[in-house]
Amino acid sequence: MKCSQCDAADTKVIESRDVAEGEAIRRRRMCLECGYRYTTYERVERPQLLVIKNDGTRQLFNRAKLLAGLQHACEKTSVTGAQLERLVNHVERELYASGESEIASRKIGELVMAKLADLNDVAYVRFASVYRRFKTIAGFEKELKTIKSRKPKALTKAL
């Protein structure tokens, strides 16, 4: 690893620690030439996943795009950024664990919705309204009934 200050190739690792729930390693390094200290992150390089969209087109899986959609669904709710990161990490692990190189977008959506339903009802309904593309109020009401049936009776009264 070259020093970002003086371009010297002689550096040493001062400290290493797991970050992102063990998904990456953070390393503090020091240049042995100039003494400059800096941080690097290492992540396992995984094969690229292709998402098969509803119209049949394919595009690379974009973790940031999924996270942005979830952040939008969770605006003004009690869901934290850390919870969203864990949710996206879980979905990503599931996708790679499937062993498939091409994943249908509906499979990703179903994975997200299953986790989001346990996290926050409002965020779930917001995400579902975009993901399921409700055309009528009846479709929306059906989804609300589904979420109500998943919750204990004490919680459904509050809904």
N, C-alpha and C. Protein backbone atom coordinates (compact mmCIF):
# COMPACT_ATOMS: atom_id res chain seq x y z
N MET A 1 0.85 -1.17 0.00
CA MET A 1 0.00 0.00 0.00
C MET A 1 0.90 1.24 0.00
N LYS A 2 0.71 2.11 -0.97
CA LYS A 2 1.52 3.33 -1.06
C LYS A 2 0.95 4.41 -0.16
N CYS A 3 1.86 5.21 0.38
CA CYS A 3 1.48 6.36 1.20
C CYS A 3 0.81 7.39 0.30
N SER A 4 -0.31 7.94 0.74
CA SER A 4 -1.02 8.93 -0.08
C SER A 4 -0.37 10.31 -0.01
N GLN A 5 0.60 10.49 0.89
CA GLN A 5 1.30 11.77 1.01
C GLN A 5 2.58 11.80 0.18
N CYS A 6 3.43 10.77 0.35
CA CYS A 6 4.76 10.82 -0.28
C CYS A 6 4.99 9.73 -1.31
N ASP A 7 4.01 8.88 -1.52
CA ASP A 7 4.07 7.78 -2.50
C ASP A 7 5.07 6.68 -2.13
N ALA A 8 5.57 6.68 -0.91
CA ALA A 8 6.49 5.62 -0.49
C ALA A 8 5.72 4.31 -0.38
N ALA A 9 6.38 3.21 -0.71
CA ALA A 9 5.73 1.90 -0.68
C ALA A 9 5.91 1.21 0.67
N ASP A 10 6.72 1.78 1.54
CA ASP A 10 7.02 1.14 2.81
C ASP A 10 6.09 1.68 3.91
N THR A 11 5.01 0.95 4.18
CA THR A 11 4.05 1.35 5.23
C THR A 11 3.80 0.16 6.14
N LYS A 12 3.23 0.44 7.30
CA LYS A 12 2.88 -0.66 8.20
C LYS A 12 1.48 -0.43 8.77
N VAL A 13 0.84 -1.53 9.13
CA VAL A 13 -0.48 -1.49 9.73
C VAL A 13 -0.31 -1.29 11.23
N ILE A 14 -0.97 -0.27 11.75
CA ILE A 14 -0.89 0.04 13.18
C ILE A 14 -2.03 -0.65 13.94
N GLU A 15 -3.21 -0.66 13.31
CA GLU A 15 -4.40 -1.20 13.98
C GLU A 15 -5.35 -1.73 12.92
N SER A 16 -6.05 -2.83 13.23
CA SER A 16 -7.08 -3.38 12.35
C SER A 16 -8.32 -3.68 13.19
N ARG A 17 -9.49 -3.46 12.60
CA ARG A 17 -10.73 -3.83 13.29
C ARG A 17 -11.83 -4.09 12.28
N ASP A 18 -12.75 -4.96 12.66
CA ASP A 18 -13.91 -5.25 11.82
C ASP A 18 -14.89 -4.08 11.89
N VAL A 19 -15.49 -3.78 10.76
CA VAL A 19 -16.55 -2.77 10.69
C VAL A 19 -17.68 -3.31 9.84
N ALA A 20 -18.81 -2.64 9.86
CA ALA A 20 -19.97 -3.02 9.06
C ALA A 20 -20.36 -4.46 9.32
N GLU A 21 -20.47 -4.81 10.61
CA GLU A 21 -20.89 -6.15 11.02
C GLU A 21 -20.02 -7.24 10.42
N GLY A 22 -18.71 -6.99 10.38
CA GLY A 22 -17.78 -7.98 9.87
C GLY A 22 -17.68 -8.02 8.36
N GLU A 23 -18.37 -7.11 7.68
CA GLU A 23 -18.36 -7.09 6.21
C GLU A 23 -17.11 -6.40 5.65
N ALA A 24 -16.38 -5.68 6.50
CA ALA A 24 -15.20 -4.96 6.05
C ALA A 24 -14.18 -4.88 7.19
N ILE A 25 -12.96 -4.55 6.84
CA ILE A 25 -11.90 -4.36 7.83
C ILE A 25 -11.35 -2.94 7.68
N ARG A 26 -11.27 -2.25 8.79
CA ARG A 26 -10.70 -0.90 8.82
C ARG A 26 -9.27 -1.04 9.31
N ARG A 27 -8.33 -0.47 8.57
CA ARG A 27 -6.92 -0.53 8.97
C ARG A 27 -6.35 0.88 9.08
N ARG A 28 -5.68 1.13 10.21
CA ARG A 28 -4.91 2.36 10.37
C ARG A 28 -3.50 2.03 9.94
N ARG A 29 -2.96 2.84 9.07
CA ARG A 29 -1.62 2.60 8.52
C ARG A 29 -0.72 3.80 8.80
N MET A 30 0.59 3.54 8.76
CA MET A 30 1.57 4.61 8.93
C MET A 30 2.69 4.42 7.92
N CYS A 31 3.03 5.51 7.27
CA CYS A 31 4.14 5.51 6.32
C CYS A 31 5.45 5.50 7.11
N LEU A 32 6.34 4.59 6.75
CA LEU A 32 7.62 4.51 7.45
C LEU A 32 8.61 5.55 6.94
N GLU A 33 8.30 6.21 5.81
CA GLU A 33 9.15 7.27 5.27
C GLU A 33 8.85 8.61 5.93
N CYS A 34 7.57 9.04 5.83
CA CYS A 34 7.22 10.38 6.31
C CYS A 34 6.43 10.40 7.61
N GLY A 35 5.96 9.23 8.08
CA GLY A 35 5.22 9.16 9.34
C GLY A 35 3.73 9.47 9.21
N TYR A 36 3.27 9.75 7.99
CA TYR A 36 1.85 10.07 7.77
C TYR A 36 0.98 8.87 8.13
N ARG A 37 -0.16 9.14 8.80
CA ARG A 37 -1.10 8.08 9.18
C ARG A 37 -2.39 8.25 8.39
N TYR A 38 -2.94 7.13 7.97
CA TYR A 38 -4.18 7.17 7.18
C TYR A 38 -4.97 5.88 7.39
N THR A 39 -6.21 5.89 6.95
CA THR A 39 -7.11 4.76 7.13
C THR A 39 -7.47 4.15 5.78
N THR A 40 -7.49 2.82 5.73
CA THR A 40 -7.97 2.12 4.54
C THR A 40 -9.06 1.15 4.97
N TYR A 41 -9.90 0.78 4.03
CA TYR A 41 -10.96 -0.20 4.27
C TYR A 41 -10.83 -1.32 3.26
N GLU A 42 -11.01 -2.54 3.72
CA GLU A 42 -10.97 -3.70 2.83
C GLU A 42 -12.32 -4.40 2.90
N ARG A 43 -12.83 -4.75 1.73
CA ARG A 43 -14.07 -5.48 1.60
C ARG A 43 -13.84 -6.67 0.67
N VAL A 44 -14.53 -7.75 0.92
CA VAL A 44 -14.45 -8.89 0.02
C VAL A 44 -15.07 -8.49 -1.30
N GLU A 45 -14.37 -8.75 -2.37
CA GLU A 45 -14.91 -8.44 -3.69
C GLU A 45 -15.79 -9.61 -4.12
N ARG A 46 -17.04 -9.30 -4.32
CA ARG A 46 -18.00 -10.33 -4.70
C ARG A 46 -18.29 -10.23 -6.19
N PRO A 47 -18.78 -11.33 -6.75
CA PRO A 47 -19.16 -11.26 -8.17
C PRO A 47 -20.31 -10.27 -8.37
N GLN A 48 -20.38 -9.70 -9.54
CA GLN A 48 -21.44 -8.73 -9.80
C GLN A 48 -22.77 -9.45 -9.99
N LEU A 49 -23.80 -8.88 -9.40
CA LEU A 49 -25.15 -9.41 -9.55
C LEU A 49 -25.89 -8.58 -10.59
N LEU A 50 -26.61 -9.25 -11.45
CA LEU A 50 -27.47 -8.56 -12.40
C LEU A 50 -28.91 -8.66 -11.92
N VAL A 51 -29.61 -7.54 -11.98
CA VAL A 51 -31.02 -7.50 -11.60
C VAL A 51 -31.84 -7.53 -12.88
N ILE A 52 -32.78 -8.47 -12.94
CA ILE A 52 -33.68 -8.55 -14.08
C ILE A 52 -34.92 -7.73 -13.73
N LYS A 53 -35.06 -6.62 -14.42
CA LYS A 53 -36.18 -5.71 -14.17
C LYS A 53 -37.47 -6.31 -14.72
N ASN A 54 -38.60 -5.71 -14.34
CA ASN A 54 -39.91 -6.21 -14.78
C ASN A 54 -40.06 -6.17 -16.31
N ASP A 55 -39.41 -5.22 -16.95
CA ASP A 55 -39.52 -5.12 -18.41
C ASP A 55 -38.52 -6.02 -19.14
N GLY A 56 -37.77 -6.84 -18.37
CA GLY A 56 -36.82 -7.78 -18.97
C GLY A 56 -35.41 -7.25 -19.12
N THR A 57 -35.21 -5.96 -18.91
CA THR A 57 -33.86 -5.40 -19.01
C THR A 57 -33.04 -5.83 -17.79
N ARG A 58 -31.74 -5.77 -17.94
CA ARG A 58 -30.84 -6.15 -16.86
C ARG A 58 -29.95 -4.97 -16.50
N GLN A 59 -29.70 -4.84 -15.21
CA GLN A 59 -28.75 -3.83 -14.75
C GLN A 59 -28.04 -4.35 -13.52
N LEU A 60 -26.87 -3.80 -13.26
CA LEU A 60 -26.09 -4.22 -12.10
C LEU A 60 -26.84 -3.90 -10.81
N PHE A 61 -26.75 -4.82 -9.85
CA PHE A 61 -27.32 -4.57 -8.53
C PHE A 61 -26.63 -3.35 -7.94
N ASN A 62 -27.41 -2.42 -7.42
CA ASN A 62 -26.88 -1.18 -6.88
C ASN A 62 -27.34 -1.05 -5.44
N ARG A 63 -26.45 -1.35 -4.52
CA ARG A 63 -26.75 -1.29 -3.09
C ARG A 63 -27.19 0.11 -2.68
N ALA A 64 -26.53 1.12 -3.22
CA ALA A 64 -26.85 2.51 -2.88
C ALA A 64 -28.26 2.88 -3.32
N LYS A 65 -28.68 2.36 -4.47
CA LYS A 65 -30.04 2.64 -4.97
C LYS A 65 -31.09 2.01 -4.04
N LEU A 66 -30.83 0.79 -3.59
CA LEU A 66 -31.74 0.13 -2.66
C LEU A 66 -31.81 0.90 -1.35
N LEU A 67 -30.67 1.32 -0.84
CA LEU A 67 -30.63 2.07 0.41
C LEU A 67 -31.37 3.40 0.27
N ALA A 68 -31.20 4.08 -0.86
CA ALA A 68 -31.88 5.37 -1.08
C ALA A 68 -33.40 5.18 -1.11
N GLY A 69 -33.87 4.11 -1.75
CA GLY A 69 -35.30 3.84 -1.78
C GLY A 69 -35.86 3.57 -0.39
N LEU A 70 -35.09 2.84 0.41
CA LEU A 70 -35.51 2.56 1.78
C LEU A 70 -35.50 3.82 2.64
N GLN A 71 -34.50 4.66 2.45
CA GLN A 71 -34.45 5.92 3.21
C GLN A 71 -35.66 6.78 2.89
N HIS A 72 -36.04 6.79 1.63
CA HIS A 72 -37.22 7.56 1.22
C HIS A 72 -38.48 7.00 1.89
N ALA A 73 -38.61 5.69 1.92
CA ALA A 73 -39.78 5.05 2.54
C ALA A 73 -39.81 5.28 4.05
N CYS A 74 -38.64 5.47 4.65
CA CYS A 74 -38.54 5.59 6.10
C CYS A 74 -38.47 7.03 6.60
N GLU A 75 -38.65 8.00 5.70
CA GLU A 75 -38.62 9.40 6.13
C GLU A 75 -39.68 9.63 7.20
N LYS A 76 -39.29 10.39 8.21
CA LYS A 76 -40.18 10.77 9.32
C LYS A 76 -40.74 9.57 10.07
N THR A 77 -39.96 8.49 10.14
CA THR A 77 -40.31 7.34 10.98
C THR A 77 -39.19 7.17 12.00
N SER A 78 -39.35 6.21 12.86
CA SER A 78 -38.34 5.98 13.91
C SER A 78 -37.21 5.07 13.44
N VAL A 79 -37.23 4.67 12.18
CA VAL A 79 -36.19 3.78 11.65
C VAL A 79 -34.87 4.54 11.52
N THR A 80 -33.81 3.97 12.07
CA THR A 80 -32.50 4.62 12.05
C THR A 80 -31.69 4.20 10.83
N GLY A 81 -30.67 4.97 10.54
CA GLY A 81 -29.77 4.64 9.45
C GLY A 81 -29.07 3.30 9.69
N ALA A 82 -28.74 3.01 10.93
CA ALA A 82 -28.09 1.74 11.26
C ALA A 82 -29.03 0.56 10.98
N GLN A 83 -30.31 0.73 11.28
CA GLN A 83 -31.28 -0.33 11.00
C GLN A 83 -31.39 -0.57 9.49
N LEU A 84 -31.39 0.52 8.72
CA LEU A 84 -31.47 0.38 7.27
C LEU A 84 -30.22 -0.30 6.71
N GLU A 85 -29.06 0.04 7.25
CA GLU A 85 -27.82 -0.60 6.82
C GLU A 85 -27.88 -2.10 7.09
N ARG A 86 -28.39 -2.48 8.28
CA ARG A 86 -28.51 -3.91 8.60
C ARG A 86 -29.48 -4.60 7.65
N LEU A 87 -30.59 -3.93 7.33
CA LEU A 87 -31.57 -4.50 6.42
C LEU A 87 -30.95 -4.73 5.04
N VAL A 88 -30.25 -3.73 4.52
CA VAL A 88 -29.62 -3.85 3.20
C VAL A 88 -28.53 -4.92 3.23
N ASN A 89 -27.76 -4.98 4.32
CA ASN A 89 -26.74 -6.03 4.46
C ASN A 89 -27.38 -7.42 4.41
N HIS A 90 -28.50 -7.56 5.12
CA HIS A 90 -29.20 -8.85 5.14
C HIS A 90 -29.67 -9.23 3.73
N VAL A 91 -30.29 -8.29 3.04
CA VAL A 91 -30.78 -8.55 1.69
C VAL A 91 -29.63 -8.92 0.77
N GLU A 92 -28.55 -8.17 0.87
CA GLU A 92 -27.38 -8.44 0.02
C GLU A 92 -26.80 -9.83 0.29
N ARG A 93 -26.69 -10.19 1.57
CA ARG A 93 -26.19 -11.53 1.92
C ARG A 93 -27.09 -12.63 1.35
N GLU A 94 -28.41 -12.42 1.45
CA GLU A 94 -29.37 -13.39 0.91
C GLU A 94 -29.19 -13.54 -0.60
N LEU A 95 -29.00 -12.44 -1.28
CA LEU A 95 -28.83 -12.49 -2.74
C LEU A 95 -27.58 -13.26 -3.13
N TYR A 96 -26.47 -12.98 -2.46
CA TYR A 96 -25.23 -13.68 -2.78
C TYR A 96 -25.31 -15.15 -2.35
N ALA A 97 -25.99 -15.43 -1.26
CA ALA A 97 -26.13 -16.81 -0.77
C ALA A 97 -26.94 -17.67 -1.72
N SER A 98 -27.80 -17.03 -2.51
CA SER A 98 -28.62 -17.80 -3.46
C SER A 98 -27.76 -18.47 -4.53
N GLY A 99 -26.57 -17.93 -4.76
CA GLY A 99 -25.67 -18.50 -5.75
C GLY A 99 -26.02 -18.12 -7.18
N GLU A 100 -27.05 -17.34 -7.36
CA GLU A 100 -27.47 -16.92 -8.70
C GLU A 100 -26.73 -15.64 -9.10
N SER A 101 -26.41 -15.52 -10.37
CA SER A 101 -25.74 -14.30 -10.84
C SER A 101 -26.76 -13.29 -11.36
N GLU A 102 -27.99 -13.75 -11.63
CA GLU A 102 -29.07 -12.88 -12.08
C GLU A 102 -30.26 -13.08 -11.15
N ILE A 103 -30.77 -11.98 -10.64
CA ILE A 103 -31.86 -12.01 -9.66
C ILE A 103 -33.01 -11.15 -10.18
N ALA A 104 -34.21 -11.68 -10.11
CA ALA A 104 -35.39 -10.91 -10.52
C ALA A 104 -35.64 -9.80 -9.50
N SER A 105 -35.99 -8.61 -9.99
CA SER A 105 -36.23 -7.48 -9.09
C SER A 105 -37.35 -7.77 -8.10
N ARG A 106 -38.32 -8.59 -8.51
CA ARG A 106 -39.42 -8.92 -7.58
C ARG A 106 -38.92 -9.72 -6.38
N LYS A 107 -37.88 -10.56 -6.59
CA LYS A 107 -37.31 -11.32 -5.47
C LYS A 107 -36.66 -10.37 -4.47
N ILE A 108 -35.96 -9.38 -4.98
CA ILE A 108 -35.34 -8.38 -4.11
C ILE A 108 -36.42 -7.62 -3.35
N GLY A 109 -37.46 -7.21 -4.07
CA GLY A 109 -38.56 -6.49 -3.45
C GLY A 109 -39.23 -7.29 -2.35
N GLU A 110 -39.43 -8.57 -2.57
CA GLU A 110 -40.07 -9.42 -1.56
C GLU A 110 -39.17 -9.58 -0.34
N LEU A 111 -37.86 -9.73 -0.55
CA LEU A 111 -36.93 -9.81 0.58
C LEU A 111 -36.98 -8.53 1.41
N VAL A 112 -36.97 -7.39 0.73
CA VAL A 112 -37.01 -6.10 1.41
C VAL A 112 -38.31 -5.95 2.19
N MET A 113 -39.42 -6.27 1.54
CA MET A 113 -40.71 -6.08 2.19
C MET A 113 -40.88 -6.98 3.42
N ALA A 114 -40.36 -8.19 3.36
CA ALA A 114 -40.45 -9.09 4.51
C ALA A 114 -39.72 -8.51 5.71
N LYS A 115 -38.54 -7.94 5.47
CA LYS A 115 -37.78 -7.34 6.57
C LYS A 115 -38.38 -6.01 7.02
N LEU A 116 -38.85 -5.22 6.08
CA LEU A 116 -39.40 -3.91 6.40
C LEU A 116 -40.70 -4.03 7.20
N ALA A 117 -41.49 -5.07 6.93
CA ALA A 117 -42.73 -5.28 7.67
C ALA A 117 -42.46 -5.48 9.15
N ASP A 118 -41.35 -6.11 9.48
CA ASP A 118 -40.99 -6.32 10.88
C ASP A 118 -40.40 -5.06 11.51
N LEU A 119 -39.91 -4.16 10.69
CA LEU A 119 -39.21 -2.97 11.18
C LEU A 119 -40.15 -1.81 11.46
N ASN A 120 -41.03 -1.48 10.49
CA ASN A 120 -41.90 -0.32 10.65
C ASN A 120 -43.08 -0.42 9.68
N ASP A 121 -44.30 -0.34 10.22
CA ASP A 121 -45.50 -0.48 9.40
C ASP A 121 -45.64 0.62 8.35
N VAL A 122 -45.38 1.86 8.75
CA VAL A 122 -45.54 2.98 7.83
C VAL A 122 -44.55 2.87 6.67
N ALA A 123 -43.31 2.57 7.00
CA ALA A 123 -42.29 2.41 5.96
C ALA A 123 -42.65 1.26 5.03
N TYR A 124 -43.19 0.19 5.61
CA TYR A 124 -43.61 -0.96 4.80
C TYR A 124 -44.67 -0.55 3.79
N VAL A 125 -45.69 0.16 4.25
CA VAL A 125 -46.78 0.56 3.37
C VAL A 125 -46.28 1.52 2.30
N ARG A 126 -45.41 2.45 2.67
CA ARG A 126 -44.84 3.37 1.68
C ARG A 126 -44.05 2.61 0.61
N PHE A 127 -43.20 1.69 1.06
CA PHE A 127 -42.40 0.92 0.11
C PHE A 127 -43.32 0.06 -0.76
N ALA A 128 -44.31 -0.57 -0.15
CA ALA A 128 -45.24 -1.43 -0.88
C ALA A 128 -46.01 -0.64 -1.93
N SER A 129 -46.37 0.59 -1.61
CA SER A 129 -47.15 1.39 -2.57
C SER A 129 -46.35 1.68 -3.83
N VAL A 130 -45.06 1.84 -3.71
CA VAL A 130 -44.21 2.07 -4.88
C VAL A 130 -43.89 0.73 -5.55
N TYR A 131 -43.51 -0.25 -4.75
CA TYR A 131 -43.09 -1.54 -5.29
C TYR A 131 -44.24 -2.27 -5.99
N ARG A 132 -45.42 -2.26 -5.39
CA ARG A 132 -46.56 -2.98 -5.96
C ARG A 132 -47.35 -2.14 -6.96
N ARG A 133 -47.01 -0.86 -7.06
CA ARG A 133 -47.66 0.04 -8.03
C ARG A 133 -49.18 -0.04 -7.96
N PHE A 134 -49.72 0.27 -6.79
CA PHE A 134 -51.17 0.22 -6.62
C PHE A 134 -51.86 1.12 -7.62
N LYS A 135 -52.85 0.58 -8.29
CA LYS A 135 -53.63 1.35 -9.27
C LYS A 135 -54.97 1.78 -8.67
N THR A 136 -55.40 1.06 -7.63
CA THR A 136 -56.70 1.37 -7.01
C THR A 136 -56.55 1.40 -5.50
N ILE A 137 -57.53 1.97 -4.87
CA ILE A 137 -57.55 2.01 -3.41
C ILE A 137 -57.75 0.59 -2.86
N ALA A 138 -58.46 -0.24 -3.61
CA ALA A 138 -58.70 -1.62 -3.17
C ALA A 138 -57.38 -2.38 -2.98
N GLY A 139 -56.45 -2.19 -3.88
CA GLY A 139 -55.14 -2.83 -3.76
C GLY A 139 -54.40 -2.36 -2.53
N PHE A 140 -54.51 -1.08 -2.27
CA PHE A 140 -53.88 -0.48 -1.09
C PHE A 140 -54.51 -1.04 0.18
N GLU A 141 -55.84 -1.11 0.20
CA GLU A 141 -56.56 -1.64 1.36
C GLU A 141 -56.21 -3.11 1.61
N LYS A 142 -56.04 -3.87 0.55
CA LYS A 142 -55.66 -5.28 0.67
C LYS A 142 -54.30 -5.40 1.36
N GLU A 143 -53.36 -4.53 0.98
CA GLU A 143 -52.04 -4.55 1.59
C GLU A 143 -52.11 -4.16 3.06
N LEU A 144 -52.96 -3.19 3.39
CA LEU A 144 -53.15 -2.80 4.79
C LEU A 144 -53.71 -3.96 5.61
N LYS A 145 -54.66 -4.70 5.04
CA LYS A 145 -55.22 -5.87 5.74
C LYS A 145 -54.14 -6.91 5.98
N THR A 146 -53.26 -7.08 5.01
CA THR A 146 -52.17 -8.05 5.15
C THR A 146 -51.26 -7.67 6.31
N ILE A 147 -50.90 -6.41 6.39
CA ILE A 147 -50.00 -5.97 7.47
C ILE A 147 -50.72 -6.05 8.81
N LYS A 148 -51.99 -5.73 8.85
CA LYS A 148 -52.74 -5.83 10.10
C LYS A 148 -52.84 -7.27 10.59
N SER A 149 -52.98 -8.20 9.67
CA SER A 149 -53.11 -9.61 10.06
C SER A 149 -51.80 -10.17 10.61
N ARG A 150 -50.69 -9.55 10.27
CA ARG A 150 -49.38 -10.01 10.75
C ARG A 150 -49.08 -9.54 12.16
N LYS A 151 -49.79 -8.49 12.62
CA LYS A 151 -49.49 -7.88 13.91
C LYS A 151 -50.41 -8.45 15.00
N PRO A 152 -49.94 -8.49 16.26
CA PRO A 152 -50.80 -8.90 17.36
C PRO A 152 -51.99 -7.96 17.49
N LYS A 153 -53.07 -8.44 18.09
CA LYS A 153 -54.30 -7.67 18.17
C LYS A 153 -54.11 -6.32 18.87
N ALA A 154 -53.26 -6.26 19.89
CA ALA A 154 -53.05 -4.99 20.60
C ALA A 154 -52.48 -3.93 19.66
N LEU A 155 -51.65 -4.34 18.74
CA LEU A 155 -51.04 -3.39 17.80
C LEU A 155 -52.01 -3.00 16.69
N THR A 156 -52.87 -3.91 16.25
CA THR A 156 -53.78 -3.60 15.16
C THR A 156 -54.80 -2.55 15.55
N LYS A 157 -55.12 -2.47 16.85
CA LYS A 157 -56.05 -1.42 17.30
C LYS A 157 -55.43 -0.05 17.10
N ALA A 158 -54.12 0.04 17.27
CA ALA A 158 -53.44 1.32 17.09
C ALA A 158 -53.36 1.70 15.62
N LEU A 159 -53.42 0.72 14.71
CA LEU A 159 -53.37 1.00 13.28
C LEU A 159 -54.71 1.52 12.85
